């Protein structure tokens, strides 16, 4: 699953943080977790990909 993550995917980390993938490197991903807030995580900390639109639905 980790290898199939692409820019724009919505994911949840093992720590429960939800974000949209902005950048991917060999070992890390950068998630947009709020407007203007990005966090860097190890790729293997992603526990699941979410259906597109999940983040928008949660914020509503």
N, C-alpha and C. Protein backbone atom coordinates (compact mmCIF):
# COMPACT_ATOMS: atom_id res chain seq x y z
N UNK A 1 0.82 -1.19 0.00
CA UNK A 1 0.00 0.00 0.00
C UNK A 1 0.87 1.26 0.00
N UNK A 2 1.92 1.25 0.78
CA UNK A 2 2.77 2.43 0.92
C UNK A 2 3.35 2.84 -0.44
N UNK A 3 3.73 1.87 -1.24
CA UNK A 3 4.35 2.16 -2.54
C UNK A 3 3.35 2.75 -3.54
N UNK A 4 2.06 2.56 -3.30
CA UNK A 4 1.06 3.06 -4.24
C UNK A 4 0.56 4.47 -3.92
N UNK A 5 1.04 5.05 -2.82
CA UNK A 5 0.62 6.41 -2.43
C UNK A 5 1.09 7.42 -3.47
N UNK A 6 0.20 8.32 -3.85
CA UNK A 6 0.50 9.35 -4.85
C UNK A 6 0.16 10.73 -4.31
N UNK A 7 0.76 11.74 -4.94
CA UNK A 7 0.46 13.12 -4.58
C UNK A 7 -1.04 13.35 -4.76
N UNK A 8 -1.66 14.00 -3.77
CA UNK A 8 -3.10 14.27 -3.82
C UNK A 8 -3.94 13.26 -3.05
N UNK A 9 -3.35 12.11 -2.70
CA UNK A 9 -4.10 11.11 -1.92
C UNK A 9 -4.38 11.64 -0.51
N UNK A 10 -5.48 11.22 0.04
CA UNK A 10 -5.82 11.54 1.42
C UNK A 10 -5.50 10.31 2.24
N UNK A 11 -4.73 10.49 3.33
CA UNK A 11 -4.25 9.37 4.12
C UNK A 11 -4.42 9.64 5.61
N UNK A 12 -4.30 8.58 6.39
CA UNK A 12 -4.27 8.68 7.85
C UNK A 12 -3.00 7.97 8.32
N UNK A 13 -2.32 8.57 9.30
CA UNK A 13 -1.09 7.98 9.83
C UNK A 13 -1.42 7.06 11.00
N UNK A 14 -0.42 6.31 11.44
CA UNK A 14 -0.61 5.42 12.59
C UNK A 14 -0.93 6.21 13.85
N UNK A 15 -0.56 7.49 13.88
CA UNK A 15 -0.87 8.35 15.02
C UNK A 15 -2.23 9.01 14.92
N UNK A 16 -2.97 8.72 13.84
CA UNK A 16 -4.32 9.26 13.69
C UNK A 16 -4.40 10.61 13.00
N UNK A 17 -3.29 11.08 12.43
CA UNK A 17 -3.29 12.37 11.74
C UNK A 17 -3.76 12.17 10.30
N UNK A 18 -4.72 12.98 9.89
CA UNK A 18 -5.27 12.90 8.54
C UNK A 18 -4.73 14.06 7.72
N UNK A 19 -4.31 13.76 6.49
CA UNK A 19 -3.80 14.82 5.63
C UNK A 19 -3.79 14.43 4.18
N UNK A 20 -3.48 15.41 3.35
CA UNK A 20 -3.40 15.22 1.90
C UNK A 20 -1.93 15.23 1.50
N UNK A 21 -1.51 14.26 0.70
CA UNK A 21 -0.12 14.12 0.31
C UNK A 21 0.26 15.25 -0.64
N UNK A 22 1.31 16.01 -0.26
CA UNK A 22 1.82 17.10 -1.10
C UNK A 22 3.11 16.74 -1.80
N UNK A 23 3.93 15.89 -1.16
CA UNK A 23 5.23 15.54 -1.72
C UNK A 23 5.61 14.15 -1.26
N UNK A 24 6.32 13.42 -2.12
CA UNK A 24 6.77 12.07 -1.80
C UNK A 24 8.24 11.94 -2.15
N UNK A 25 9.03 11.41 -1.22
CA UNK A 25 10.42 11.06 -1.50
C UNK A 25 10.56 9.55 -1.28
N UNK A 26 11.79 9.05 -1.35
CA UNK A 26 11.99 7.61 -1.16
C UNK A 26 11.52 7.12 0.20
N UNK A 27 11.77 7.89 1.24
CA UNK A 27 11.46 7.43 2.59
C UNK A 27 10.39 8.25 3.31
N UNK A 28 10.08 9.45 2.79
CA UNK A 28 9.18 10.35 3.50
C UNK A 28 8.04 10.85 2.62
N UNK A 29 6.97 11.28 3.28
CA UNK A 29 5.89 11.99 2.60
C UNK A 29 5.64 13.29 3.36
N UNK A 30 5.17 14.29 2.65
CA UNK A 30 4.79 15.56 3.28
C UNK A 30 3.28 15.67 3.16
N UNK A 31 2.62 15.84 4.30
CA UNK A 31 1.16 15.94 4.34
C UNK A 31 0.74 17.36 4.66
N UNK A 32 -0.26 17.84 3.95
CA UNK A 32 -0.93 19.09 4.29
C UNK A 32 -2.01 18.70 5.29
N UNK A 33 -1.84 19.12 6.54
CA UNK A 33 -2.78 18.73 7.59
C UNK A 33 -3.76 19.83 7.95
N UNK A 34 -3.49 21.05 7.51
CA UNK A 34 -4.38 22.20 7.70
C UNK A 34 -3.92 23.27 6.71
N UNK A 35 -4.72 24.27 6.51
CA UNK A 35 -4.36 25.32 5.57
C UNK A 35 -3.02 25.95 5.98
N UNK A 36 -2.03 25.81 5.12
CA UNK A 36 -0.71 26.36 5.37
C UNK A 36 0.16 25.58 6.35
N UNK A 37 -0.29 24.37 6.74
CA UNK A 37 0.47 23.56 7.70
C UNK A 37 0.84 22.23 7.05
N UNK A 38 2.15 21.99 6.91
CA UNK A 38 2.64 20.74 6.36
C UNK A 38 3.48 20.02 7.40
N UNK A 39 3.39 18.69 7.38
CA UNK A 39 4.18 17.86 8.30
C UNK A 39 4.83 16.75 7.50
N UNK A 40 6.05 16.39 7.89
CA UNK A 40 6.80 15.32 7.22
C UNK A 40 6.71 14.05 8.05
N UNK A 41 6.42 12.93 7.38
CA UNK A 41 6.30 11.63 8.03
C UNK A 41 7.08 10.59 7.25
N UNK A 42 7.53 9.54 7.95
CA UNK A 42 8.08 8.40 7.26
C UNK A 42 6.94 7.73 6.50
N UNK A 43 7.23 7.24 5.31
CA UNK A 43 6.19 6.61 4.50
C UNK A 43 5.47 5.50 5.25
N UNK A 44 6.22 4.72 6.02
CA UNK A 44 5.62 3.57 6.69
C UNK A 44 4.73 3.95 7.87
N UNK A 45 4.63 5.25 8.18
CA UNK A 45 3.71 5.67 9.23
C UNK A 45 2.29 5.85 8.70
N UNK A 46 2.11 5.71 7.39
CA UNK A 46 0.76 5.78 6.81
C UNK A 46 0.07 4.45 7.06
N UNK A 47 -1.09 4.51 7.70
CA UNK A 47 -1.80 3.27 8.01
C UNK A 47 -2.91 2.97 7.00
N UNK A 48 -3.44 4.01 6.32
CA UNK A 48 -4.51 3.76 5.35
C UNK A 48 -4.66 4.95 4.41
N UNK A 49 -5.11 4.65 3.21
CA UNK A 49 -5.52 5.72 2.31
C UNK A 49 -7.03 5.87 2.46
N UNK A 50 -7.51 7.08 2.29
CA UNK A 50 -8.92 7.38 2.48
C UNK A 50 -9.57 7.70 1.14
N UNK A 51 -10.87 7.51 1.03
CA UNK A 51 -11.56 7.91 -0.21
C UNK A 51 -11.43 9.41 -0.42
N UNK A 52 -11.29 9.82 -1.68
CA UNK A 52 -11.20 11.24 -2.00
C UNK A 52 -12.43 11.97 -1.45
N UNK A 53 -12.19 13.13 -0.85
CA UNK A 53 -13.27 13.93 -0.27
C UNK A 53 -13.48 13.70 1.21
N UNK A 54 -12.77 12.76 1.79
CA UNK A 54 -12.94 12.45 3.22
C UNK A 54 -12.59 13.65 4.08
N UNK A 55 -11.48 14.32 3.78
CA UNK A 55 -11.05 15.45 4.60
C UNK A 55 -12.09 16.57 4.54
N UNK A 56 -12.60 16.84 3.37
CA UNK A 56 -13.63 17.89 3.21
C UNK A 56 -14.88 17.52 4.01
N UNK A 57 -15.24 16.25 3.97
CA UNK A 57 -16.43 15.79 4.69
C UNK A 57 -16.25 15.92 6.21
N UNK A 58 -15.06 15.64 6.71
CA UNK A 58 -14.79 15.73 8.14
C UNK A 58 -14.84 17.18 8.61
N UNK A 59 -14.31 18.10 7.79
CA UNK A 59 -14.28 19.51 8.16
C UNK A 59 -15.67 20.13 8.20
N UNK A 60 -16.61 19.57 7.46
CA UNK A 60 -17.96 20.14 7.39
C UNK A 60 -18.74 19.93 8.64
